[in-house]
Amino acid sequence: MVDIAKLAKMGSLRKYSAGEYIFREGECGKEMYIILSGKVDVLKGNQATGEKRIISLGAGDFFGEMSLFEGLPRSASVFTLGEVAVIVITENNFEDVILSDPSIAKRLIASLCARIRHLDVKLVEKNALPLCDSEEQTSLENQTEFSEAKTETEIIEKDWTAEAPFLPEGFRQHLQGEPEVFAQFLYEKKVACPICGIEYQQKMVRESKMLIERTDSDLRKHYQDFEPLWYQVWVCPKCYYANFSTDFPFDPDIDKEVTKQFLAVQSGKEKAAFSDVRTLDQVFAAHYLLVQQITNCSKHKRSDKLAKAWLRLSWLHRDAEEEDLAKSAEQKALENYLEFFNQETGRPMKIDQEQQMMILLGELLFRSERYKEAQQYFTRAVRHRDGIKKYNEEAYNRVQDMKKYL
C-alpha cells in the first residue's frame, strides 16, 4: 500500500478544484502523478466527439508514468471529480520517491510487465509478426498507459467495470491484485460447470493451512496471510455461472433452464474477464454475479444465501475503504437474514447455528442504530441450559453493551 502521508512530504504538491482537467489527451508531458486525496476520471476522446470514461482513480493510485519514462504524449485525459491533491513525480524527484516507498517501484514494474503482456496479446490477435511500423507500435502503447497502470497482477483486457450492469452505482475499479503470499494456500482442480458443461481448472483453498487470527463482532474470521473471500465464489469462465464453492457442482435450488436463458441474455452485456490469478475487481464481480443469479435463477427464494453473499460484499467493500457501499451491502444482508430467520421454517438450525444467527442479527441491527431490536436478539442468544458457552458469554456481553444506547 502506498504510504500517502510520507509522499505528501516529498516532491511537488498540487491541488485541483472539482471539474478541472489535470491534463488532456495528446498533450506533452514528462510527469507522473500520485493521488493523495480525491478522485479523478480517466477519459478517452475529446469534447467535440465525446469522451468515454476508462477508469476512476482515487487516493494511492497513480497515472501518467509513461510520459515520465518515455516522454510520450498523453494517451488520455484526466478530469477531477472533486477537490484533488496530487504529488507530482518528475525526473528530479523520482529516485527520492522510490527510495522513500519501494512499493511504488513494484507497482510500476507490474504496470510495465502488464503493458508488455497486453502488446503480446494484441500481436497474437492480429496474427502479426513483431511490429516494424513505429507509428502503429506507439499507438498500441498509448492505448494501454492508464489501463495497465491500474493492475498489479493479471491484466483485465476490457474495462468492464464501467459498463457491467451487475455492478452497483458508484463502483470504481481497484488497483489491487492477488498478494503473492496467497499462492501457498491454493491448488488447482479440474471442475465441470453444471450449466454449460465446460471443464476448467479451478483454484481451490487449502483450508488445512489457514490460521485464524481473530473474529469480528459480525462473525467474520480473519486469517494469517490469506483472505479466503477471494476464492469462495467460483465463476465459469465460459458462461459466467457463479456460485459459492460449496454449491457450485450441485445446487438443487438452481433452475438450470432458467439459468441458461438468463446467462444467455446477460453474456452480451457483461464484460468481465476472470484470469487464473484473480484481481480484487474479479472478486467483486464474482460476488455481484452470484447475487444476480440467486435473485433471478433460484427455484425458491433463498434469502439466507442472498444474505451471505451481501454480508461478504460488505466485508470486501469495507476492506477497500468504501464505507457507503459497505453499509448498503450490510443493510441488504440484514434484510435478508431477518426474512430468513423470522419467516422461513423449512431449514432447521442447530443450537450453535441459531445462537450465531441471533448474535449476527443483533450486531447488524446495532450497526443500523436499531438498538432495541439488537438487544432483543442478543438476549435471545443467551441460552443458559443448552447454549454454547462462548456464544452465551458473547451475547451476554453485548446485552450489557446495549444498555448505554437505550
Protein backbone atom coordinates (compact mmCIF):
# COMPACT_ATOMS: atom_id res chain seq x y z
CA MET A 1 0.00 0.00 0.00
CA VAL A 2 1.35 3.42 -0.89
CA ASP A 3 2.33 5.48 2.19
CA ILE A 4 0.42 8.64 1.31
CA ALA A 5 1.50 10.55 4.42
CA LYS A 6 5.16 10.02 3.58
CA LEU A 7 4.68 11.01 -0.06
CA ALA A 8 2.89 14.20 0.93
CA LYS A 9 6.16 15.45 2.43
CA MET A 10 8.06 14.98 -0.81
CA GLY A 11 8.14 16.48 -4.25
CA SER A 12 5.71 18.98 -5.68
CA LEU A 13 2.21 19.07 -4.21
CA ARG A 14 -0.59 20.35 -6.45
CA LYS A 15 -4.26 20.89 -5.74
CA TYR A 16 -7.12 20.97 -8.23
CA SER A 17 -10.73 22.04 -7.90
CA ALA A 18 -13.69 19.95 -9.00
CA GLY A 19 -14.24 19.83 -12.75
CA GLU A 20 -10.65 20.56 -13.83
CA TYR A 21 -8.52 18.74 -16.37
CA ILE A 22 -5.14 17.79 -14.90
CA PHE A 23 -4.08 17.23 -18.49
CA ARG A 24 -5.73 16.42 -21.82
CA GLU A 25 -5.23 13.63 -24.30
CA GLY A 26 -2.45 14.41 -26.80
CA GLU A 27 -0.66 16.96 -24.62
CA CYS A 28 3.05 16.62 -24.00
CA GLY A 29 4.29 15.96 -20.51
CA LYS A 30 7.17 14.49 -18.51
CA GLU A 31 5.46 13.95 -15.16
CA MET A 32 3.51 11.24 -13.42
CA TYR A 33 1.07 11.80 -10.58
CA ILE A 34 0.13 10.01 -7.35
CA ILE A 35 -3.25 10.93 -5.89
CA LEU A 36 -3.09 11.99 -2.25
CA SER A 37 -6.81 12.73 -1.88
CA GLY A 38 -9.91 12.94 -4.04
CA LYS A 39 -10.94 11.08 -7.21
CA VAL A 40 -10.41 11.53 -10.94
CA ASP A 41 -11.81 10.04 -14.14
CA VAL A 42 -9.51 8.94 -16.96
CA LEU A 43 -11.20 9.79 -20.29
CA LYS A 44 -10.61 8.88 -23.94
CA GLY A 45 -11.77 11.04 -26.84
CA ASN A 46 -12.46 14.76 -26.86
CA GLN A 47 -15.31 17.11 -26.06
CA ALA A 48 -16.23 17.51 -29.73
CA THR A 49 -16.63 13.79 -30.49
CA GLY A 50 -17.49 12.71 -26.97
CA GLU A 51 -15.37 11.43 -24.08
CA LYS A 52 -15.63 7.94 -22.63
CA ARG A 53 -14.58 7.07 -19.09
CA ILE A 54 -11.86 4.40 -18.96
CA ILE A 55 -11.46 4.19 -15.19
CA SER A 56 -11.88 6.16 -11.97
CA LEU A 57 -8.87 6.53 -9.68
CA GLY A 58 -8.59 7.51 -6.02
CA ALA A 59 -6.11 8.06 -3.21
CA GLY A 60 -2.94 6.00 -3.65
CA ASP A 61 -3.48 5.44 -7.38
CA PHE A 62 -1.05 6.80 -9.98
CA PHE A 63 -1.21 7.81 -13.63
CA GLY A 64 0.91 9.32 -16.40
CA GLU A 65 4.01 7.19 -15.79
CA MET A 66 4.71 6.53 -19.47
CA SER A 67 5.12 10.22 -20.17
CA LEU A 68 7.66 10.35 -17.35
CA PHE A 69 9.64 7.37 -18.67
CA GLU A 70 9.35 7.90 -22.43
CA GLY A 71 8.14 11.44 -22.95
CA LEU A 72 5.11 10.17 -24.91
CA PRO A 73 2.06 12.39 -25.47
CA ARG A 74 -0.74 11.85 -23.01
CA SER A 75 -2.85 8.88 -24.14
CA ALA A 76 -5.97 10.05 -22.27
CA SER A 77 -7.36 12.99 -20.34
CA VAL A 78 -7.62 13.14 -16.55
CA PHE A 79 -10.60 15.01 -15.08
CA THR A 80 -11.18 15.76 -11.39
CA LEU A 81 -14.45 14.62 -9.76
CA GLY A 82 -13.98 16.86 -6.74
CA GLU A 83 -11.16 18.59 -4.94
CA VAL A 84 -8.00 16.61 -5.67
CA ALA A 85 -4.48 16.75 -4.27
CA VAL A 86 -1.62 15.02 -6.08
CA ILE A 87 2.11 14.72 -5.73
CA VAL A 88 3.96 15.28 -8.99
CA ILE A 89 6.81 12.91 -9.81
CA THR A 90 9.48 14.19 -12.19
CA GLU A 91 12.91 13.02 -13.27
CA ASN A 92 14.35 15.16 -10.49
CA ASN A 93 12.49 13.62 -7.55
CA PHE A 94 11.72 10.13 -8.92
CA GLU A 95 14.65 8.43 -7.19
CA ASP A 96 13.83 10.02 -3.82
CA VAL A 97 10.20 8.90 -4.07
CA ILE A 98 11.16 5.30 -4.93
CA LEU A 99 13.67 5.14 -2.07
CA SER A 100 11.04 6.55 0.26
CA ASP A 101 8.40 3.95 -0.71
CA PRO A 102 9.73 0.88 -2.61
CA SER A 103 6.16 -0.41 -3.12
CA ILE A 104 5.76 2.24 -5.82
CA ALA A 105 8.62 0.70 -7.78
CA LYS A 106 6.97 -2.72 -7.53
CA ARG A 107 3.68 -1.35 -8.84
CA LEU A 108 5.43 0.45 -11.69
CA ILE A 109 7.26 -2.73 -12.68
CA ALA A 110 3.95 -4.65 -12.58
CA SER A 111 2.42 -1.95 -14.77
CA LEU A 112 5.20 -2.19 -17.35
CA CYS A 113 5.06 -6.01 -17.38
CA ALA A 114 1.31 -5.87 -17.91
CA ARG A 115 1.81 -3.46 -20.81
CA ILE A 116 4.19 -5.94 -22.45
CA ARG A 117 1.69 -8.79 -21.96
CA HIS A 118 -1.03 -6.61 -23.43
CA LEU A 119 1.06 -5.88 -26.53
CA ASP A 120 1.81 -9.61 -26.91
CA VAL A 121 -1.91 -10.35 -26.84
CA LYS A 122 -2.59 -7.66 -29.43
CA LEU A 123 0.07 -9.14 -31.72
CA VAL A 124 -1.38 -12.63 -31.39
CA GLU A 125 -4.89 -11.31 -32.09
CA LYS A 126 -3.61 -9.61 -35.24
CA ASN A 127 -1.66 -12.76 -36.29
CA ALA A 128 1.18 -10.38 -36.91
CA LEU A 129 4.97 -10.54 -36.88
CA PRO A 130 6.76 -8.16 -34.47
CA LEU A 131 5.83 -4.63 -35.37
CA CYS A 132 8.11 -2.61 -37.61
CA ASP A 133 5.84 0.36 -38.05
CA SER A 134 6.86 2.68 -35.21
CA GLU A 135 3.70 4.75 -35.55
CA GLU A 136 1.48 1.67 -35.08
CA GLN A 137 3.55 0.48 -32.12
CA THR A 138 3.30 3.89 -30.46
CA SER A 139 -0.45 3.77 -30.97
CA LEU A 140 -0.70 0.43 -29.18
CA GLU A 141 1.48 1.66 -26.33
CA ASN A 142 -0.57 4.81 -25.87
CA GLN A 143 -3.76 2.79 -25.61
CA THR A 144 -2.50 0.99 -22.51
CA GLU A 145 -0.87 3.68 -20.39
CA PHE A 146 -3.76 4.06 -17.99
CA SER A 147 -5.34 0.63 -18.18
CA GLU A 148 -2.04 -1.04 -17.28
CA ALA A 149 -1.15 1.40 -14.53
CA LYS A 150 -4.15 0.15 -12.61
CA THR A 151 -3.11 -3.52 -12.28
CA GLU A 152 -0.64 -5.32 -10.04
CA THR A 153 -1.15 -8.86 -11.37
CA GLU A 154 -3.04 -10.24 -14.36
CA ILE A 155 -4.36 -7.78 -16.94
CA ILE A 156 -8.08 -7.24 -17.44
CA GLU A 157 -8.30 -6.65 -21.16
CA LYS A 158 -11.67 -4.90 -21.23
CA ASP A 159 -12.77 -2.10 -19.00
CA TRP A 160 -15.88 -3.99 -17.97
CA THR A 161 -16.28 -2.11 -14.67
CA ALA A 162 -17.52 0.97 -16.48
CA GLU A 163 -20.32 -0.90 -18.24
CA ALA A 164 -21.20 -4.16 -16.47
CA PRO A 165 -24.86 -3.93 -15.41
CA PHE A 166 -24.45 -6.21 -12.40
CA LEU A 167 -22.14 -3.79 -10.55
CA PRO A 168 -23.67 -1.13 -8.27
CA GLU A 169 -23.79 2.58 -8.99
CA GLY A 170 -20.64 4.22 -7.67
CA PHE A 171 -18.47 1.13 -8.11
CA ARG A 172 -14.90 2.05 -9.05
CA GLN A 173 -12.13 -0.13 -10.34
CA HIS A 174 -9.47 -1.06 -7.81
CA LEU A 175 -5.69 -1.24 -8.02
CA GLN A 176 -5.13 -4.49 -6.22
CA GLY A 177 -4.03 -7.86 -7.43
CA GLU A 178 -3.81 -11.08 -5.52
CA PRO A 179 -0.96 -10.91 -2.95
CA GLU A 180 1.85 -13.33 -3.82
CA VAL A 181 1.59 -14.99 -0.41
CA PHE A 182 -1.87 -16.34 -1.36
CA ALA A 183 -0.29 -18.91 -3.69
CA GLN A 184 0.76 -21.21 -0.83
CA PHE A 185 -2.89 -21.57 0.21
CA LEU A 186 -4.15 -22.58 -3.24
CA TYR A 187 -4.12 -25.59 -5.52
CA GLU A 188 -5.88 -26.40 -8.80
CA LYS A 189 -8.54 -28.97 -9.53
CA LYS A 190 -10.49 -29.70 -12.70
CA VAL A 191 -14.19 -28.96 -12.28
CA ALA A 192 -17.16 -29.06 -14.63
CA CYS A 193 -19.70 -26.27 -14.96
CA PRO A 194 -23.17 -27.73 -14.28
CA ILE A 195 -24.77 -25.22 -16.66
CA CYS A 196 -22.67 -25.26 -19.87
CA GLY A 197 -20.68 -28.44 -19.23
CA ILE A 198 -17.22 -26.98 -19.84
CA GLU A 199 -14.33 -28.37 -17.75
CA TYR A 200 -11.72 -25.97 -16.45
CA GLN A 201 -9.04 -25.64 -13.77
CA GLN A 202 -10.42 -24.05 -10.60
CA LYS A 203 -8.36 -22.61 -7.77
CA MET A 204 -9.13 -24.41 -4.51
CA VAL A 205 -8.31 -23.30 -0.95
CA ARG A 206 -6.07 -25.41 1.28
CA GLU A 207 -8.10 -24.97 4.45
CA SER A 208 -5.63 -27.01 6.48
CA LYS A 209 -3.06 -24.21 6.09
CA MET A 210 -5.37 -21.42 7.26
CA LEU A 211 -4.75 -20.00 10.74
CA ILE A 212 -7.40 -17.77 12.36
CA GLU A 213 -6.03 -14.51 13.76
CA ARG A 214 -9.26 -13.00 15.07
CA THR A 215 -13.03 -12.96 14.67
CA ASP A 216 -15.01 -9.72 14.26
CA SER A 217 -18.27 -8.91 16.00
CA ASP A 218 -20.16 -9.79 12.78
CA LEU A 219 -18.53 -13.27 12.91
CA ARG A 220 -16.07 -12.57 10.10
CA LYS A 221 -12.90 -14.58 10.56
CA HIS A 222 -9.50 -13.09 9.66
CA TYR A 223 -6.71 -15.44 8.68
CA GLN A 224 -2.94 -15.11 8.79
CA ASP A 225 -1.56 -14.11 5.35
CA PHE A 226 -4.71 -15.15 3.48
CA GLU A 227 -8.20 -13.96 2.60
CA PRO A 228 -10.47 -16.86 1.55
CA LEU A 229 -13.16 -14.45 0.28
CA TRP A 230 -11.10 -14.15 -2.91
CA TYR A 231 -11.89 -17.75 -3.91
CA GLN A 232 -15.15 -18.65 -2.15
CA VAL A 233 -17.25 -17.80 -5.21
CA TRP A 234 -16.48 -19.76 -8.37
CA VAL A 235 -17.33 -18.44 -11.82
CA CYS A 236 -17.44 -20.47 -15.02
CA PRO A 237 -15.10 -18.71 -17.49
CA LYS A 238 -17.38 -19.58 -20.42
CA CYS A 239 -21.00 -18.96 -19.37
CA TYR A 240 -20.42 -16.90 -16.16
CA TYR A 241 -22.42 -19.25 -13.94
CA ALA A 242 -21.49 -18.23 -10.38
CA ASN A 243 -21.97 -19.94 -7.05
CA PHE A 244 -20.34 -20.47 -3.69
CA SER A 245 -17.62 -23.12 -3.94
CA THR A 246 -19.64 -25.46 -1.71
CA ASP A 247 -22.69 -25.24 -4.02
CA PHE A 248 -21.09 -24.87 -7.45
CA PRO A 249 -21.00 -28.54 -8.58
CA PHE A 250 -24.57 -29.24 -7.47
CA ASP A 251 -27.16 -26.77 -6.21
CA PRO A 252 -30.70 -28.19 -6.08
CA ASP A 253 -32.17 -24.71 -5.76
CA ILE A 254 -30.77 -23.54 -9.10
CA ASP A 255 -33.15 -23.88 -12.04
CA LYS A 256 -30.77 -24.91 -14.82
CA GLU A 257 -33.01 -23.95 -17.73
CA VAL A 258 -33.82 -20.54 -16.27
CA THR A 259 -30.12 -20.05 -15.51
CA LYS A 260 -29.13 -20.91 -19.10
CA GLN A 261 -31.65 -18.44 -20.50
CA PHE A 262 -30.62 -15.76 -18.01
CA LEU A 263 -26.90 -16.16 -18.72
CA ALA A 264 -27.51 -16.21 -22.49
CA VAL A 265 -29.16 -12.80 -22.23
CA GLN A 266 -26.51 -11.42 -19.88
CA SER A 267 -23.49 -12.71 -21.80
CA GLY A 268 -23.86 -9.95 -24.39
CA LYS A 269 -23.83 -7.27 -21.68
CA GLU A 270 -21.26 -8.33 -19.11
CA LYS A 271 -17.64 -7.69 -19.94
CA ALA A 272 -15.86 -9.40 -17.06
CA ALA A 273 -12.72 -11.47 -17.53
CA PHE A 274 -11.72 -13.98 -14.85
CA SER A 275 -8.00 -14.65 -15.01
CA ASP A 276 -6.18 -17.58 -13.44
CA VAL A 277 -4.85 -15.31 -10.70
CA ARG A 278 -7.69 -13.11 -9.52
CA THR A 279 -7.73 -9.38 -9.08
CA LEU A 280 -9.86 -7.63 -6.47
CA ASP A 281 -12.24 -6.45 -9.20
CA GLN A 282 -12.82 -10.04 -10.25
CA VAL A 283 -13.59 -10.92 -6.63
CA PHE A 284 -16.22 -8.18 -6.51
CA ALA A 285 -17.60 -9.21 -9.91
CA ALA A 286 -17.91 -12.85 -8.79
CA HIS A 287 -19.96 -11.87 -5.73
CA TYR A 288 -22.22 -9.47 -7.64
CA LEU A 289 -22.79 -12.09 -10.34
CA LEU A 290 -23.76 -14.52 -7.60
CA VAL A 291 -26.25 -12.06 -6.10
CA GLN A 292 -27.82 -11.54 -9.51
CA GLN A 293 -28.13 -15.25 -10.21
CA ILE A 294 -29.54 -16.15 -6.78
CA THR A 295 -32.16 -13.45 -7.29
CA ASN A 296 -33.14 -14.47 -10.82
CA CYS A 297 -32.42 -18.18 -11.17
CA SER A 298 -33.38 -19.94 -7.92
CA LYS A 299 -36.37 -22.28 -7.77
CA HIS A 300 -37.22 -20.96 -4.31
CA LYS A 301 -36.38 -17.69 -2.63
CA ARG A 302 -33.02 -18.07 -0.90
CA SER A 303 -32.85 -15.12 1.45
CA ASP A 304 -30.25 -16.93 3.58
CA LYS A 305 -27.91 -17.34 0.61
CA LEU A 306 -28.51 -13.77 -0.56
CA ALA A 307 -27.74 -12.53 2.94
CA LYS A 308 -24.49 -14.50 2.99
CA ALA A 309 -23.40 -13.01 -0.36
CA TRP A 310 -24.32 -9.45 0.67
CA LEU A 311 -22.53 -9.78 4.01
CA ARG A 312 -19.34 -10.86 2.26
CA LEU A 313 -19.66 -7.95 -0.15
CA SER A 314 -19.89 -5.61 2.82
CA TRP A 315 -16.62 -7.05 4.15
CA LEU A 316 -14.91 -6.62 0.79
CA HIS A 317 -16.08 -3.03 0.37
CA ARG A 318 -15.03 -2.19 3.93
CA ASP A 319 -11.58 -3.64 3.25
CA ALA A 320 -11.42 -1.34 0.19
CA GLU A 321 -12.39 1.63 2.41
CA GLU A 322 -15.70 2.10 0.56
CA GLU A 323 -17.95 2.69 3.54
CA ASP A 324 -21.06 3.77 1.62
CA LEU A 325 -21.08 0.59 -0.49
CA ALA A 326 -20.21 -1.48 2.59
CA LYS A 327 -23.18 -0.09 4.52
CA SER A 328 -25.51 -0.62 1.57
CA ALA A 329 -24.46 -4.27 1.25
CA GLU A 330 -24.65 -4.72 5.02
CA GLN A 331 -28.22 -3.40 5.05
CA LYS A 332 -29.24 -5.86 2.32
CA ALA A 333 -27.62 -8.67 4.31
CA LEU A 334 -29.62 -7.65 7.38
CA GLU A 335 -32.93 -7.52 5.48
CA ASN A 336 -32.41 -10.99 4.03
CA TYR A 337 -31.17 -12.54 7.28
CA LEU A 338 -34.22 -11.16 9.12
CA GLU A 339 -36.52 -12.57 6.46
CA PHE A 340 -34.83 -15.95 6.60
CA PHE A 341 -34.71 -16.20 10.39
CA ASN A 342 -38.22 -14.98 11.09
CA GLN A 343 -40.25 -16.33 8.17
CA GLU A 344 -38.61 -19.39 6.66
CA THR A 345 -39.43 -22.52 8.62
CA GLY A 346 -38.13 -25.28 6.38
CA ARG A 347 -34.46 -25.00 7.35
CA PRO A 348 -33.96 -26.03 10.99
CA MET A 349 -30.78 -24.91 12.69
CA LYS A 350 -28.64 -26.45 15.37
CA ILE A 351 -28.40 -24.63 18.69
CA ASP A 352 -24.95 -23.18 17.96
CA GLN A 353 -26.07 -22.04 14.49
CA GLU A 354 -29.14 -20.38 15.96
CA GLN A 355 -27.04 -18.60 18.58
CA GLN A 356 -24.62 -17.35 15.92
CA MET A 357 -27.50 -16.16 13.77
CA MET A 358 -29.04 -14.18 16.63
CA ILE A 359 -25.67 -12.66 17.56
CA LEU A 360 -25.11 -11.68 13.91
CA LEU A 361 -28.60 -10.16 13.64
CA GLY A 362 -28.00 -8.26 16.86
CA GLU A 363 -24.73 -6.87 15.54
CA LEU A 364 -26.18 -5.81 12.16
CA LEU A 365 -29.19 -4.20 13.89
CA PHE A 366 -26.80 -2.39 16.24
CA ARG A 367 -24.83 -1.02 13.27
CA SER A 368 -28.13 0.19 11.80
CA GLU A 369 -28.82 2.01 15.10
CA ARG A 370 -31.83 -0.21 15.81
CA TYR A 371 -30.67 -0.66 19.38
CA LYS A 372 -33.83 -2.05 20.98
CA GLU A 373 -34.15 -4.79 18.36
CA ALA A 374 -30.43 -5.51 18.66
CA GLN A 375 -30.77 -6.03 22.41
CA GLN A 376 -33.70 -8.41 21.87
CA TYR A 377 -31.66 -10.65 19.59
CA PHE A 378 -28.61 -10.60 21.86
CA THR A 379 -30.88 -11.55 24.76
CA ARG A 380 -32.41 -14.42 22.80
CA ALA A 381 -28.92 -15.70 22.02
CA VAL A 382 -28.20 -16.31 25.72
CA ARG A 383 -29.28 -19.91 26.34
CA HIS A 384 -28.02 -20.98 29.74
CA ARG A 385 -29.20 -24.59 29.65
CA ASP A 386 -28.32 -25.84 26.21
CA GLY A 387 -26.34 -22.98 24.62
CA ILE A 388 -22.67 -22.99 23.68
CA LYS A 389 -20.67 -21.31 26.45
CA LYS A 390 -18.64 -18.93 24.27
CA TYR A 391 -21.77 -17.72 22.47
CA ASN A 392 -23.61 -17.29 25.77
CA GLU A 393 -20.77 -15.12 27.05
CA GLU A 394 -20.51 -13.11 23.84
CA ALA A 395 -24.25 -12.49 23.70
CA TYR A 396 -24.42 -11.58 27.40
CA ASN A 397 -21.60 -9.05 26.99
CA ARG A 398 -23.40 -7.47 24.04
CA VAL A 399 -26.62 -7.23 26.08
CA GLN A 400 -24.67 -5.24 28.67
CA ASP A 401 -23.17 -3.03 25.93
CA MET A 402 -26.65 -2.18 24.63
CA LYS A 403 -27.72 -0.63 27.93
CA LYS A 404 -25.86 2.62 27.25
CA TYR A 405 -27.72 3.04 23.94
CA LEU A 406 -31.21 2.56 25.38
